[in-house]
Structures are given as C-alpha cells and as structure tokens.
Amino acid sequence: MAAPDLGELTTYVNDALMLAPSMLLIPALTWRAVDDDSFDISMSDGTITATSRVYVDEQGRMVDFSTTDRWAALPGGLTRTRWTTPIDG
C-alpha cells in the first residue's frame, strides 16, 4: 500500500463527510456504530482501505474526525500518525 494513496482516500472520506455526505452512500463504504456519540467508517478502493472514527453531537452533527490512516513527512521519512479534524461551530 502506498502511503499517499491511503492518505488521499482518508482525505476524500473526511471532505465528503463535511461537505457532501451523500457521496458516501456507496457499496465501497462500511459504517459501524461505536456508541451514541461515534461511528467508524471504512472506504475501500482497490486494495486500499481507509478507516476513521467520526464523533457526533447530541443532534447527530459531526464534531470530529479521527484516523491513523494519514502520514506525516518527518526528517526520518513518512510516519503514520493520528490525524483529526475537530469542527468548532
């Protein structure tokens, strides 16, 4: 698996959740309830699968997105790392 491909797929899922969630009503996606405040979402494209956790408020609005399917370009090379996109307001 290529790190940039996994990161791009993760970014696609995050952006679609925030801007156009209906784009995610496709067979390549799986949704799994975690608890009353969060769910996991996985999207597959070929041999790559990106998985993230989405947190929602009491009205079902997305308030955060968290994943380890992103990479940071550090001096020692690409490193898989936790990435979040909290939504405030």
Protein backbone atom coordinates (compact mmCIF):
# COMPACT_ATOMS: atom_id res chain seq x y z
CA MET A 1 0.00 0.00 0.00
CA ALA A 2 1.30 3.41 -0.88
CA ALA A 3 1.14 5.93 1.96
CA PRO A 4 -0.01 8.82 -0.26
CA ASP A 5 -2.86 6.71 -1.66
CA LEU A 6 -4.13 5.82 1.83
CA GLY A 7 -3.83 9.45 2.92
CA GLU A 8 -5.71 10.66 -0.16
CA LEU A 9 -8.54 8.17 0.40
CA THR A 10 -8.79 9.28 4.03
CA THR A 11 -8.91 12.93 2.99
CA TYR A 12 -11.65 12.13 0.46
CA VAL A 13 -13.79 10.48 3.15
CA ASN A 14 -13.24 13.37 5.58
CA ASP A 15 -14.08 16.02 3.00
CA ALA A 16 -17.16 14.14 1.79
CA LEU A 17 -18.45 13.76 5.35
CA MET A 18 -18.12 17.50 5.94
CA LEU A 19 -19.28 18.80 2.55
CA ALA A 20 -21.34 16.17 0.72
CA PRO A 21 -22.14 13.08 2.82
CA SER A 22 -24.45 11.66 0.16
CA MET A 23 -21.28 10.93 -1.86
CA LEU A 24 -20.59 8.20 0.71
CA LEU A 25 -23.76 6.19 0.10
CA ILE A 26 -21.88 3.65 -1.99
CA PRO A 27 -21.06 -0.08 -1.70
CA ALA A 28 -17.34 0.66 -1.13
CA LEU A 29 -18.20 2.08 2.28
CA THR A 30 -19.00 0.39 5.57
CA TRP A 31 -20.44 2.09 8.62
CA ARG A 32 -20.28 0.65 12.15
CA ALA A 33 -21.82 2.19 15.26
CA VAL A 34 -19.38 2.52 18.15
CA ASP A 35 -21.60 4.22 20.73
CA ASP A 36 -24.18 7.02 20.91
CA ASP A 37 -21.53 9.61 20.08
CA SER A 38 -19.42 7.97 17.37
CA PHE A 39 -19.22 5.58 14.44
CA ASP A 40 -16.46 4.04 12.34
CA ILE A 41 -16.41 4.44 8.61
CA SER A 42 -14.24 2.46 6.20
CA MET A 43 -13.86 3.02 2.47
CA SER A 44 -12.12 0.64 0.10
CA ASP A 45 -10.63 1.46 -3.27
CA GLY A 46 -8.91 -1.50 -4.88
CA THR A 47 -6.53 -2.93 -2.29
CA ILE A 48 -6.57 0.15 -0.05
CA THR A 49 -8.97 0.58 2.86
CA ALA A 50 -9.08 3.76 4.96
CA THR A 51 -10.80 3.62 8.34
CA SER A 52 -11.75 6.56 10.53
CA ARG A 53 -13.83 7.34 13.60
CA VAL A 54 -16.43 10.08 13.40
CA TYR A 55 -17.76 11.81 16.51
CA VAL A 56 -21.17 13.47 16.56
CA ASP A 57 -23.01 15.72 18.99
CA GLU A 58 -26.41 15.03 20.56
CA GLN A 59 -28.10 16.29 17.38
CA GLY A 60 -26.08 13.98 15.11
CA ARG A 61 -23.82 16.70 13.70
CA MET A 62 -20.21 15.79 13.05
CA VAL A 63 -17.88 17.35 15.63
CA ASP A 64 -14.63 15.46 15.00
CA PHE A 65 -12.96 13.01 12.64
CA SER A 66 -10.02 10.88 13.76
CA THR A 67 -7.80 8.40 11.93
CA THR A 68 -4.34 6.88 11.88
CA ASP A 69 -4.55 6.39 8.12
CA ARG A 70 -2.58 9.56 7.42
CA TRP A 71 1.15 10.16 7.15
CA ALA A 72 3.48 12.93 8.28
CA ALA A 73 6.62 13.81 6.31
CA LEU A 74 9.20 13.87 9.11
CA PRO A 75 13.00 14.17 8.78
CA GLY A 76 13.27 10.37 9.13
CA GLY A 77 10.73 9.76 6.37
CA LEU A 78 7.00 9.17 6.18
CA THR A 79 5.46 8.23 9.53
CA ARG A 80 1.93 7.01 10.06
CA THR A 81 0.27 9.29 12.59
CA ARG A 82 -3.02 10.25 14.19
CA TRP A 83 -4.90 12.99 12.36
CA THR A 84 -8.07 14.77 13.46
CA THR A 85 -10.32 17.49 12.11
CA PRO A 86 -12.33 18.93 15.00
CA ILE A 87 -15.26 21.09 13.99
CA ASP A 88 -15.96 24.03 16.25
CA GLY A 89 -19.24 25.72 15.45
